[in-house]
Structures are given as structure tokens and as C-alpha cells.
PDB file of N, CA and C in Angstrom:
ATOM      1  N   MET A   1     155.877 -12.071 137.947  1.00  0.00           N
ATOM      2  CA  MET A   1     155.847 -10.773 138.745  1.00  0.00           C
ATOM      3  C   MET A   1     156.634  -9.903 138.910  1.00  0.00           C
ATOM      4  N   ARG A   2     156.686  -8.991 138.731  1.00  0.00           N
ATOM      5  CA  ARG A   2     157.787  -7.806 138.881  1.00  0.00           C
ATOM      6  C   ARG A   2     157.710  -6.711 139.542  1.00  0.00           C
ATOM      7  N   GLU A   3     157.563  -5.935 140.186  1.00  0.00           N
ATOM      8  CA  GLU A   3     157.777  -4.821 140.798  1.00  0.00           C
ATOM      9  C   GLU A   3     155.978  -4.761 141.501  1.00  0.00           C
ATOM     10  N   GLY A   4     155.184  -5.930 141.674  1.00  0.00           N
ATOM     11  CA  GLY A   4     154.083  -6.334 142.052  1.00  0.00           C
ATOM     12  C   GLY A   4     153.190  -6.248 140.761  1.00  0.00           C
ATOM     13  N   GLU A   5     153.610  -6.449 139.455  1.00  0.00           N
ATOM     14  CA  GLU A   5     152.659  -6.149 138.593  1.00  0.00           C
ATOM     15  C   GLU A   5     153.415  -7.907 137.556  1.00  0.00           C
ATOM     16  N   TYR A   6     152.081  -8.538 136.849  1.00  0.00           N
ATOM     17  CA  TYR A   6     152.454  -9.276 136.171  1.00  0.00           C
ATOM     18  C   TYR A   6     152.481  -9.260 135.052  1.00  0.00           C
ATOM     19  N   ALA A   7     153.454  -9.685 134.234  1.00  0.00           N
ATOM     20  CA  ALA A   7     153.726  -9.632 132.910  1.00  0.00           C
ATOM     21  C   ALA A   7     153.063 -10.923 132.095  1.00  0.00           C
ATOM     22  N   LEU A   8     152.363 -10.515 130.931  1.00  0.00           N
ATOM     23  CA  LEU A   8     151.527 -11.761 129.791  1.00  0.00           C
ATOM     24  C   LEU A   8     152.259 -11.645 128.734  1.00  0.00           C
ATOM     25  N   PHE A   9     152.788 -13.003 128.219  1.00  0.00           N
ATOM     26  CA  PHE A   9     153.391 -12.790 127.060  1.00  0.00           C
ATOM     27  C   PHE A   9     152.701 -13.860 126.110  1.00  0.00           C
ATOM     28  N   GLY A  10     152.012 -13.890 125.032  1.00  0.00           N
ATOM     29  CA  GLY A  10     151.945 -14.591 124.041  1.00  0.00           C
ATOM     30  C   GLY A  10     152.666 -15.200 123.105  1.00  0.00           C
ATOM     31  N   PHE A  11     153.004 -16.491 122.345  1.00  0.00           N
ATOM     32  CA  PHE A  11     153.415 -17.131 121.964  1.00  0.00           C
ATOM     33  C   PHE A  11     152.845 -17.502 120.529  1.00  0.00           C
ATOM     34  N   GLY A  12     152.847 -17.550 119.623  1.00  0.00           N
ATOM     35  CA  GLY A  12     151.858 -18.571 118.490  1.00  0.00           C
ATOM     36  C   GLY A  12     150.925 -18.282 118.016  1.00  0.00           C
ATOM     37  N   GLU A  13     149.981 -18.770 117.646  1.00  0.00           N
ATOM     38  CA  GLU A  13     148.442 -18.215 117.411  1.00  0.00           C
ATOM     39  C   GLU A  13     147.196 -19.073 118.373  1.00  0.00           C
ATOM     40  N   ALA A  14     146.610 -18.193 118.891  1.00  0.00           N
ATOM     41  CA  ALA A  14     145.399 -18.113 119.471  1.00  0.00           C
ATOM     42  C   ALA A  14     143.997 -19.390 118.711  1.00  0.00           C
ATOM     43  N   GLY A  15     144.218 -19.074 117.942  1.00  0.00           N
ATOM     44  CA  GLY A  15     143.494 -19.912 116.602  1.00  0.00           C
ATOM     45  C   GLY A  15     144.516 -20.173 115.388  1.00  0.00           C
ATOM     46  N   ILE A  16     143.958 -21.369 115.266  1.00  0.00           N
ATOM     47  CA  ILE A  16     145.025 -21.904 113.680  1.00  0.00           C
ATOM     48  C   ILE A  16     144.197 -21.258 112.468  1.00  0.00           C
ATOM     49  N   VAL A  17     143.025 -21.356 112.369  1.00  0.00           N
ATOM     50  CA  VAL A  17     142.763 -20.666 111.107  1.00  0.00           C
ATOM     51  C   VAL A  17     142.473 -18.967 111.544  1.00  0.00           C
ATOM     52  N   SER A  18     142.046 -18.540 112.806  1.00  0.00           N
ATOM     53  CA  SER A  18     142.010 -17.075 112.387  1.00  0.00           C
ATOM     54  C   SER A  18     143.772 -16.351 112.654  1.00  0.00           C
ATOM     55  N   GLY A  19     144.700 -17.236 112.903  1.00  0.00           N
ATOM     56  CA  GLY A  19     145.797 -16.558 113.548  1.00  0.00           C
ATOM     57  C   GLY A  19     146.073 -15.868 113.793  1.00  0.00           C
ATOM     58  N   ARG A  20     145.157 -15.405 115.169  1.00  0.00           N
ATOM     59  CA  ARG A  20     144.885 -14.403 115.660  1.00  0.00           C
ATOM     60  C   ARG A  20     145.892 -14.374 117.096  1.00  0.00           C
ATOM     61  N   GLU A  21     146.564 -13.773 117.859  1.00  0.00           N
ATOM     62  CA  GLU A  21     147.853 -13.741 118.496  1.00  0.00           C
ATOM     63  C   GLU A  21     146.660 -13.937 119.868  1.00  0.00           C
ATOM     64  N   PRO A  22     147.403 -14.948 120.622  1.00  0.00           N
ATOM     65  CA  PRO A  22     146.874 -15.002 122.304  1.00  0.00           C
ATOM     66  C   PRO A  22     146.860 -13.695 122.968  1.00  0.00           C
ATOM     67  N   ASP A  23     146.288 -13.657 123.651  1.00  0.00           N
ATOM     68  CA  ASP A  23     145.947 -12.235 125.121  1.00  0.00           C
ATOM     69  C   ASP A  23     145.797 -12.862 125.880  1.00  0.00           C
ATOM     70  N   GLY A  24     145.423 -12.023 127.069  1.00  0.00           N
ATOM     71  CA  GLY A  24     144.833 -11.948 128.406  1.00  0.00           C
ATOM     72  C   GLY A  24     143.469 -12.654 128.915  1.00  0.00           C
ATOM     73  N   ASP A  25     142.748 -13.012 127.339  1.00  0.00           N
ATOM     74  CA  ASP A  25     141.627 -13.679 127.771  1.00  0.00           C
ATOM     75  C   ASP A  25     141.650 -15.020 126.656  1.00  0.00           C
ATOM     76  N   THR A  26     142.253 -15.628 126.303  1.00  0.00           N
ATOM     77  CA  THR A  26     142.926 -16.806 126.062  1.00  0.00           C
ATOM     78  C   THR A  26     142.762 -18.034 126.710  1.00  0.00           C
ATOM     79  N   GLN A  27     142.231 -19.001 126.014  1.00  0.00           N
ATOM     80  CA  GLN A  27     142.315 -19.982 126.912  1.00  0.00           C
ATOM     81  C   GLN A  27     143.084 -21.020 126.186  1.00  0.00           C
ATOM     82  N   ILE A  28     143.899 -21.429 127.473  1.00  0.00           N
ATOM     83  CA  ILE A  28     144.574 -22.666 126.769  1.00  0.00           C
ATOM     84  C   ILE A  28     144.886 -24.074 127.420  1.00  0.00           C
ATOM     85  N   ARG A  29     144.460 -25.190 127.306  1.00  0.00           N
ATOM     86  CA  ARG A  29     144.588 -26.488 127.377  1.00  0.00           C
ATOM     87  C   ARG A  29     146.126 -26.338 128.137  1.00  0.00           C
ATOM     88  N   VAL A  30     145.826 -26.703 129.311  1.00  0.00           N
ATOM     89  CA  VAL A  30     147.291 -27.238 129.793  1.00  0.00           C
ATOM     90  C   VAL A  30     147.535 -28.868 129.649  1.00  0.00           C
ATOM     91  N   GLY A  31     146.892 -29.634 129.787  1.00  0.00           N
ATOM     92  CA  GLY A  31     147.764 -30.687 129.064  1.00  0.00           C
ATOM     93  C   GLY A  31     148.677 -31.633 130.412  1.00  0.00           C
ATOM     94  N   SER A  32     149.718 -31.653 129.518  1.00  0.00           N
ATOM     95  CA  SER A  32     151.069 -32.736 130.035  1.00  0.00           C
ATOM     96  C   SER A  32     151.893 -31.420 130.568  1.00  0.00           C
ATOM     97  N   ILE A  33     151.371 -30.197 130.307  1.00  0.00           N
ATOM     98  CA  ILE A  33     152.110 -28.755 131.175  1.00  0.00           C
ATOM     99  C   ILE A  33     152.207 -28.993 132.532  1.00  0.00           C
ATOM    100  N   SER A  34     151.372 -29.269 133.219  1.00  0.00           N
ATOM    101  CA  SER A  34     150.834 -28.888 134.475  1.00  0.00           C
ATOM    102  C   SER A  34     151.949 -30.041 135.242  1.00  0.00           C
ATOM    103  N   LYS A  35     152.378 -31.205 134.607  1.00  0.00           N
ATOM    104  CA  LYS A  35     153.940 -31.819 135.147  1.00  0.00           C
ATOM    105  C   LYS A  35     154.546 -31.406 135.409  1.00  0.00           C
ATOM    106  N   THR A  36     155.349 -30.499 133.759  1.00  0.00           N
ATOM    107  CA  THR A  36     156.346 -29.797 134.310  1.00  0.00           C
ATOM    108  C   THR A  36     156.365 -28.878 135.110  1.00  0.00           C
ATOM    109  N   PHE A  37     155.414 -28.238 134.962  1.00  0.00           N
ATOM    110  CA  PHE A  37     155.320 -26.939 136.004  1.00  0.00           C
ATOM    111  C   PHE A  37     155.820 -27.503 137.222  1.00  0.00           C
ATOM    112  N   THR A  38     154.757 -28.519 137.834  1.00  0.00           N
ATOM    113  CA  THR A  38     154.884 -29.474 139.219  1.00  0.00           C
ATOM    114  C   THR A  38     156.460 -29.937 139.741  1.00  0.00           C
ATOM    115  N   GLY A  39     156.921 -30.495 138.624  1.00  0.00           N
ATOM    116  CA  GLY A  39     158.565 -30.445 139.179  1.00  0.00           C
ATOM    117  C   GLY A  39     159.162 -29.530 139.058  1.00  0.00           C
ATOM    118  N   PHE A  40     159.231 -28.591 137.916  1.00  0.00           N
ATOM    119  CA  PHE A  40     160.071 -27.162 138.473  1.00  0.00           C
ATOM    120  C   PHE A  40     159.846 -26.894 139.652  1.00  0.00           C
ATOM    121  N   ALA A  41     158.028 -26.510 139.980  1.00  0.00           N
ATOM    122  CA  ALA A  41     158.105 -25.944 140.998  1.00  0.00           C
ATOM    123  C   ALA A  41     158.601 -26.271 142.498  1.00  0.00           C
ATOM    124  N   LEU A  42     158.874 -28.178 142.425  1.00  0.00           N
ATOM    125  CA  LEU A  42     159.724 -28.579 143.369  1.00  0.00           C
ATOM    126  C   LEU A  42     161.110 -28.385 143.509  1.00  0.00           C
ATOM    127  N   ALA A  43     161.143 -28.436 142.268  1.00  0.00           N
ATOM    128  CA  ALA A  43     163.444 -28.796 142.053  1.00  0.00           C
ATOM    129  C   ALA A  43     163.340 -26.982 142.567  1.00  0.00           C
ATOM    130  N   LEU A  44     162.499 -26.109 142.513  1.00  0.00           N
ATOM    131  CA  LEU A  44     162.867 -24.744 142.841  1.00  0.00           C
ATOM    132  C   LEU A  44     162.804 -25.114 144.775  1.00  0.00           C
ATOM    133  N   THR A  45     161.652 -25.575 145.275  1.00  0.00           N
ATOM    134  CA  THR A  45     162.152 -25.641 146.764  1.00  0.00           C
ATOM    135  C   THR A  45     162.798 -26.548 147.078  1.00  0.00           C
ATOM    136  N   VAL A  46     163.387 -27.510 146.147  1.00  0.00           N
ATOM    137  CA  VAL A  46     164.632 -27.822 147.179  1.00  0.00           C
ATOM    138  C   VAL A  46     166.043 -27.253 146.871  1.00  0.00           C
ATOM    139  N   ALA A  47     165.896 -26.493 145.682  1.00  0.00           N
ATOM    140  CA  ALA A  47     167.220 -25.568 145.442  1.00  0.00           C
ATOM    141  C   ALA A  47     166.828 -24.849 146.832  1.00  0.00           C
ATOM    142  N   THR A  48     166.209 -24.317 147.079  1.00  0.00           N
ATOM    143  CA  THR A  48     166.158 -22.874 147.856  1.00  0.00           C
ATOM    144  C   THR A  48     166.298 -23.957 149.320  1.00  0.00           C
ATOM    145  N   GLY A  49     166.201 -24.774 149.596  1.00  0.00           N
ATOM    146  CA  GLY A  49     165.940 -25.535 150.687  1.00  0.00           C
ATOM    147  C   GLY A  49     164.990 -25.781 151.463  1.00  0.00           C
ATOM    148  N   SER A  50     163.427 -24.826 151.084  1.00  0.00           N
ATOM    149  CA  SER A  50     162.126 -25.281 151.919  1.00  0.00           C
ATOM    150  C   SER A  50     162.004 -26.884 152.023  1.00  0.00           C
ATOM    151  N   THR A  51     162.677 -27.611 151.364  1.00  0.00           N
ATOM    152  CA  THR A  51     161.469 -28.971 150.999  1.00  0.00           C
ATOM    153  C   THR A  51     163.163 -30.105 150.967  1.00  0.00           C
ATOM    154  N   ALA A  52     162.721 -30.963 150.496  1.00  0.00           N
ATOM    155  CA  ALA A  52     163.772 -31.899 150.519  1.00  0.00           C
ATOM    156  C   ALA A  52     162.966 -33.500 149.576  1.00  0.00           C
ATOM    157  N   LEU A  53     163.853 -33.848 148.558  1.00  0.00           N
ATOM    158  CA  LEU A  53     162.827 -34.707 147.417  1.00  0.00           C
ATOM    159  C   LEU A  53     162.651 -36.212 149.115  1.00  0.00           C
ATOM    160  N   THR A  54     162.991 -36.041 149.717  1.00  0.00           N
ATOM    161  CA  THR A  54     162.758 -37.364 150.516  1.00  0.00           C
ATOM    162  C   THR A  54     161.553 -36.657 151.455  1.00  0.00           C
ATOM    163  N   ASP A  55     161.751 -35.625 151.363  1.00  0.00           N
ATOM    164  CA  ASP A  55     160.498 -35.471 152.387  1.00  0.00           C
ATOM    165  C   ASP A  55     158.930 -36.201 152.411  1.00  0.00           C
ATOM    166  N   PRO A  56     158.019 -36.681 153.246  1.00  0.00           N
ATOM    167  CA  PRO A  56     157.029 -37.609 152.863  1.00  0.00           C
ATOM    168  C   PRO A  56     156.334 -36.518 152.423  1.00  0.00           C
ATOM    169  N   VAL A  57     154.699 -36.540 151.220  1.00  0.00           N
ATOM    170  CA  VAL A  57     153.791 -35.777 150.799  1.00  0.00           C
ATOM    171  C   VAL A  57     152.414 -36.207 151.140  1.00  0.00           C
TER     172      VAL A  57
END
């Protein structure tokens, strides 16, 4: 989010056969990337001092 607006970037192909570029309506399976996102979000809160790795969850 930048200055109150969201930016959408698509890379690769939305369909192997069609070769269509991804857009705002493209549904992407999240899979294991959610673990990476969660780890990054936690690291960010630790870096800003909002939480500590030793805090209970």
C-alpha cells in the first residue's frame, strides 16, 4: 500500500496453456507460501520491537 492505494503486480502466467498474464481477478493457490509470509510478518514485528520471539502465542 502506498499513499492509500494498493499496487498489484503479476509475474509469470495465469495459465500454462493460455499464457494469460495474471490480473486482479486471478486466483492463486497459496500453498506453503503462507508459512513464509507468517515468518516475515513475525520477523517484522520483532524488528520493530512490537513483540519478542520469546512471547507466548
